[in-house]
Amino acid sequence: MTSLSSFHSTSGTQNFLGLRSTASGAMEIVFDDGAAQRMVWRVTAPAKAEARIVEALRLAIDQARVLPALYSELTKRSIAIEAVTQAE
């Protein structure tokens, strides 16, 4: 089972990235900018990728452009995601 991991920006923004487990056991990544955007992606990588995903979230959260940094970090680690919800 996936443990919960969450990261808040330390650069003064309201950005949040989290890794959660659904009731069915799937892993999801959540992004919230604290204002208008909340996005959720389902991870299609195997469960053993949790440590790599957590590292990607940790590195992306304090970047100036969190979402491009997140996509880049996930791509570097060959972690595939699919959108569950889109930006509002």
N, C-alpha and C. Protein backbone atom coordinates (compact mmCIF):
# COMPACT_ATOMS: atom_id res chain seq x y z
N MET A 1 0.85 -1.19 0.00
CA MET A 1 0.00 0.00 0.00
C MET A 1 0.88 1.24 0.00
N THR A 2 0.46 2.24 -0.73
CA THR A 2 1.21 3.47 -0.85
C THR A 2 1.08 4.31 0.42
N SER A 3 2.20 4.79 0.91
CA SER A 3 2.14 5.72 2.03
C SER A 3 1.81 7.10 1.47
N LEU A 4 1.31 7.96 2.30
CA LEU A 4 1.00 9.31 1.87
C LEU A 4 2.26 10.16 1.89
N SER A 5 2.47 10.91 0.86
CA SER A 5 3.60 11.83 0.78
C SER A 5 3.06 13.16 0.29
N SER A 6 3.48 14.24 0.93
CA SER A 6 3.04 15.55 0.48
C SER A 6 4.17 16.55 0.66
N PHE A 7 4.16 17.53 -0.24
CA PHE A 7 5.21 18.54 -0.26
C PHE A 7 4.58 19.90 -0.49
N HIS A 8 4.97 20.88 0.32
CA HIS A 8 4.54 22.26 0.15
C HIS A 8 5.76 23.07 -0.25
N SER A 9 5.54 24.03 -1.10
CA SER A 9 6.62 24.89 -1.55
C SER A 9 7.24 25.64 -0.37
N THR A 10 8.56 25.74 -0.38
CA THR A 10 9.25 26.51 0.65
C THR A 10 9.65 27.89 0.12
N SER A 11 9.21 28.21 -1.10
CA SER A 11 9.60 29.49 -1.71
C SER A 11 8.55 30.58 -1.53
N GLY A 12 7.58 30.36 -0.65
CA GLY A 12 6.59 31.39 -0.37
C GLY A 12 5.33 31.29 -1.20
N THR A 13 5.24 30.35 -2.12
CA THR A 13 4.01 30.16 -2.88
C THR A 13 3.13 29.14 -2.15
N GLN A 14 1.92 28.98 -2.62
CA GLN A 14 0.98 28.04 -2.01
C GLN A 14 1.00 26.67 -2.68
N ASN A 15 1.97 26.40 -3.54
CA ASN A 15 2.00 25.16 -4.30
C ASN A 15 2.09 23.93 -3.41
N PHE A 16 1.35 22.89 -3.82
CA PHE A 16 1.31 21.62 -3.09
C PHE A 16 1.38 20.48 -4.10
N LEU A 17 2.18 19.48 -3.81
CA LEU A 17 2.21 18.23 -4.56
C LEU A 17 2.05 17.09 -3.56
N GLY A 18 1.25 16.12 -3.91
CA GLY A 18 1.06 14.98 -3.02
C GLY A 18 0.92 13.68 -3.78
N LEU A 19 1.24 12.60 -3.12
CA LEU A 19 1.05 11.26 -3.65
C LEU A 19 0.08 10.56 -2.72
N ARG A 20 -1.00 10.02 -3.29
CA ARG A 20 -2.00 9.35 -2.47
C ARG A 20 -2.37 8.01 -3.09
N SER A 21 -3.01 7.20 -2.28
CA SER A 21 -3.49 5.90 -2.71
C SER A 21 -5.00 5.94 -2.72
N THR A 22 -5.61 5.45 -3.80
CA THR A 22 -7.07 5.39 -3.89
C THR A 22 -7.58 4.16 -3.16
N ALA A 23 -8.87 4.06 -3.01
CA ALA A 23 -9.48 2.90 -2.35
C ALA A 23 -9.16 1.60 -3.10
N SER A 24 -8.97 1.69 -4.40
CA SER A 24 -8.66 0.50 -5.20
C SER A 24 -7.16 0.20 -5.22
N GLY A 25 -6.36 1.05 -4.57
CA GLY A 25 -4.92 0.80 -4.49
C GLY A 25 -4.08 1.51 -5.54
N ALA A 26 -4.72 2.27 -6.42
CA ALA A 26 -3.98 3.01 -7.44
C ALA A 26 -3.29 4.22 -6.81
N MET A 27 -2.16 4.61 -7.37
CA MET A 27 -1.45 5.81 -6.90
C MET A 27 -1.89 7.00 -7.73
N GLU A 28 -2.07 8.15 -7.07
CA GLU A 28 -2.42 9.38 -7.75
C GLU A 28 -1.51 10.50 -7.26
N ILE A 29 -1.18 11.40 -8.18
CA ILE A 29 -0.42 12.60 -7.86
C ILE A 29 -1.40 13.76 -7.90
N VAL A 30 -1.34 14.62 -6.87
CA VAL A 30 -2.22 15.78 -6.77
C VAL A 30 -1.37 17.04 -6.78
N PHE A 31 -1.80 18.02 -7.59
CA PHE A 31 -1.17 19.34 -7.61
C PHE A 31 -2.23 20.36 -7.27
N ASP A 32 -1.90 21.31 -6.41
CA ASP A 32 -2.80 22.41 -6.08
C ASP A 32 -1.94 23.66 -5.94
N ASP A 33 -2.35 24.74 -6.62
CA ASP A 33 -1.56 25.97 -6.53
C ASP A 33 -2.09 26.92 -5.46
N GLY A 34 -3.10 26.50 -4.71
CA GLY A 34 -3.63 27.31 -3.63
C GLY A 34 -4.57 28.41 -4.08
N ALA A 35 -4.82 28.50 -5.38
CA ALA A 35 -5.71 29.55 -5.87
C ALA A 35 -6.74 28.98 -6.84
N ALA A 36 -6.32 28.67 -8.04
CA ALA A 36 -7.28 28.30 -9.09
C ALA A 36 -7.09 26.90 -9.66
N GLN A 37 -5.93 26.32 -9.51
CA GLN A 37 -5.67 25.04 -10.16
C GLN A 37 -5.57 23.89 -9.18
N ARG A 38 -6.28 22.83 -9.50
CA ARG A 38 -6.14 21.56 -8.79
C ARG A 38 -6.19 20.49 -9.86
N MET A 39 -5.13 19.69 -9.94
CA MET A 39 -5.03 18.66 -10.95
C MET A 39 -4.68 17.33 -10.30
N VAL A 40 -5.21 16.25 -10.87
CA VAL A 40 -4.94 14.91 -10.35
C VAL A 40 -4.56 14.01 -11.52
N TRP A 41 -3.50 13.23 -11.33
CA TRP A 41 -3.05 12.26 -12.33
C TRP A 41 -2.96 10.88 -11.70
N ARG A 42 -3.34 9.86 -12.44
CA ARG A 42 -3.16 8.47 -12.00
C ARG A 42 -1.81 8.00 -12.51
N VAL A 43 -1.05 7.38 -11.63
CA VAL A 43 0.26 6.84 -11.99
C VAL A 43 0.05 5.47 -12.62
N THR A 44 0.63 5.27 -13.80
CA THR A 44 0.49 3.99 -14.47
C THR A 44 1.75 3.13 -14.35
N ALA A 45 2.66 3.58 -13.52
CA ALA A 45 3.90 2.81 -13.25
C ALA A 45 3.61 1.79 -12.14
N PRO A 46 4.42 0.76 -12.04
CA PRO A 46 4.22 -0.23 -10.97
C PRO A 46 4.42 0.37 -9.58
N ALA A 47 3.83 -0.27 -8.58
CA ALA A 47 3.90 0.21 -7.20
C ALA A 47 5.32 0.38 -6.70
N LYS A 48 6.25 -0.39 -7.22
CA LYS A 48 7.64 -0.29 -6.76
C LYS A 48 8.28 1.04 -7.15
N ALA A 49 7.57 1.87 -7.91
CA ALA A 49 8.09 3.16 -8.34
C ALA A 49 7.84 4.27 -7.32
N GLU A 50 7.24 3.94 -6.18
CA GLU A 50 6.86 4.96 -5.21
C GLU A 50 8.03 5.86 -4.80
N ALA A 51 9.16 5.29 -4.48
CA ALA A 51 10.32 6.09 -4.04
C ALA A 51 10.77 7.05 -5.14
N ARG A 52 10.73 6.60 -6.38
CA ARG A 52 11.13 7.47 -7.51
C ARG A 52 10.12 8.60 -7.70
N ILE A 53 8.85 8.31 -7.50
CA ILE A 53 7.81 9.34 -7.63
C ILE A 53 7.97 10.38 -6.53
N VAL A 54 8.17 9.94 -5.31
CA VAL A 54 8.35 10.85 -4.18
C VAL A 54 9.55 11.77 -4.43
N GLU A 55 10.62 11.22 -4.93
CA GLU A 55 11.81 12.03 -5.25
C GLU A 55 11.48 13.07 -6.32
N ALA A 56 10.73 12.69 -7.34
CA ALA A 56 10.33 13.61 -8.40
C ALA A 56 9.48 14.75 -7.83
N LEU A 57 8.55 14.43 -6.95
CA LEU A 57 7.71 15.46 -6.33
C LEU A 57 8.56 16.41 -5.49
N ARG A 58 9.47 15.84 -4.72
CA ARG A 58 10.33 16.64 -3.84
C ARG A 58 11.17 17.63 -4.64
N LEU A 59 11.68 17.20 -5.78
CA LEU A 59 12.52 18.07 -6.60
C LEU A 59 11.70 19.12 -7.36
N ALA A 60 10.48 18.78 -7.75
CA ALA A 60 9.67 19.68 -8.56
C ALA A 60 9.00 20.80 -7.77
N ILE A 61 8.66 20.57 -6.52
CA ILE A 61 7.82 21.50 -5.78
C ILE A 61 8.43 22.89 -5.61
N ASP A 62 9.71 23.02 -5.51
CA ASP A 62 10.32 24.33 -5.29
C ASP A 62 10.85 24.99 -6.55
N GLN A 63 10.50 24.44 -7.70
CA GLN A 63 10.90 25.06 -8.96
C GLN A 63 9.94 26.22 -9.28
N ALA A 64 10.42 27.17 -10.05
CA ALA A 64 9.59 28.33 -10.41
C ALA A 64 8.35 27.90 -11.19
N ARG A 65 8.51 26.91 -12.04
CA ARG A 65 7.39 26.38 -12.84
C ARG A 65 7.20 24.92 -12.43
N VAL A 66 6.35 24.69 -11.46
CA VAL A 66 6.20 23.38 -10.83
C VAL A 66 5.74 22.30 -11.81
N LEU A 67 4.72 22.58 -12.60
CA LEU A 67 4.19 21.54 -13.49
C LEU A 67 5.19 21.09 -14.55
N PRO A 68 5.85 22.01 -15.27
CA PRO A 68 6.87 21.54 -16.22
C PRO A 68 7.99 20.77 -15.52
N ALA A 69 8.36 21.21 -14.32
CA ALA A 69 9.41 20.51 -13.56
C ALA A 69 8.94 19.11 -13.17
N LEU A 70 7.67 18.99 -12.76
CA LEU A 70 7.12 17.69 -12.40
C LEU A 70 7.14 16.75 -13.60
N TYR A 71 6.64 17.22 -14.74
CA TYR A 71 6.64 16.38 -15.95
C TYR A 71 8.05 15.94 -16.32
N SER A 72 9.00 16.87 -16.21
CA SER A 72 10.39 16.56 -16.53
C SER A 72 10.96 15.49 -15.59
N GLU A 73 10.72 15.66 -14.29
CA GLU A 73 11.25 14.70 -13.31
C GLU A 73 10.61 13.32 -13.48
N LEU A 74 9.31 13.28 -13.78
CA LEU A 74 8.66 11.99 -14.00
C LEU A 74 9.18 11.32 -15.27
N THR A 75 9.39 12.12 -16.32
CA THR A 75 9.91 11.59 -17.57
C THR A 75 11.31 11.02 -17.39
N LYS A 76 12.15 11.72 -16.64
CA LYS A 76 13.52 11.23 -16.38
C LYS A 76 13.50 9.85 -15.72
N ARG A 77 12.46 9.60 -14.95
CA ARG A 77 12.36 8.34 -14.19
C ARG A 77 11.47 7.32 -14.89
N SER A 78 11.04 7.62 -16.11
CA SER A 78 10.17 6.73 -16.90
C SER A 78 8.89 6.38 -16.16
N ILE A 79 8.28 7.39 -15.55
CA ILE A 79 7.03 7.20 -14.82
C ILE A 79 5.91 7.83 -15.65
N ALA A 80 4.97 6.99 -16.05
CA ALA A 80 3.85 7.45 -16.87
C ALA A 80 2.67 7.84 -15.99
N ILE A 81 1.96 8.88 -16.42
CA ILE A 81 0.77 9.33 -15.71
C ILE A 81 -0.35 9.58 -16.71
N GLU A 82 -1.59 9.55 -16.22
CA GLU A 82 -2.73 9.91 -17.05
C GLU A 82 -3.62 10.83 -16.24
N ALA A 83 -4.19 11.82 -16.89
CA ALA A 83 -5.01 12.82 -16.21
C ALA A 83 -6.30 12.20 -15.68
N VAL A 84 -6.62 12.53 -14.44
CA VAL A 84 -7.89 12.14 -13.83
C VAL A 84 -8.80 13.37 -13.85
N THR A 85 -8.25 14.52 -13.48
CA THR A 85 -8.96 15.80 -13.57
C THR A 85 -8.05 16.80 -14.25
N GLN A 86 -8.65 17.73 -14.94
CA GLN A 86 -7.90 18.78 -15.65
C GLN A 86 -7.91 20.07 -14.86
N ALA A 87 -7.10 21.02 -15.30
CA ALA A 87 -7.05 22.33 -14.65
C ALA A 87 -8.41 23.00 -14.76
N GLU A 88 -8.76 23.71 -13.73
CA GLU A 88 -10.07 24.39 -13.71
C GLU A 88 -9.96 25.76 -14.28
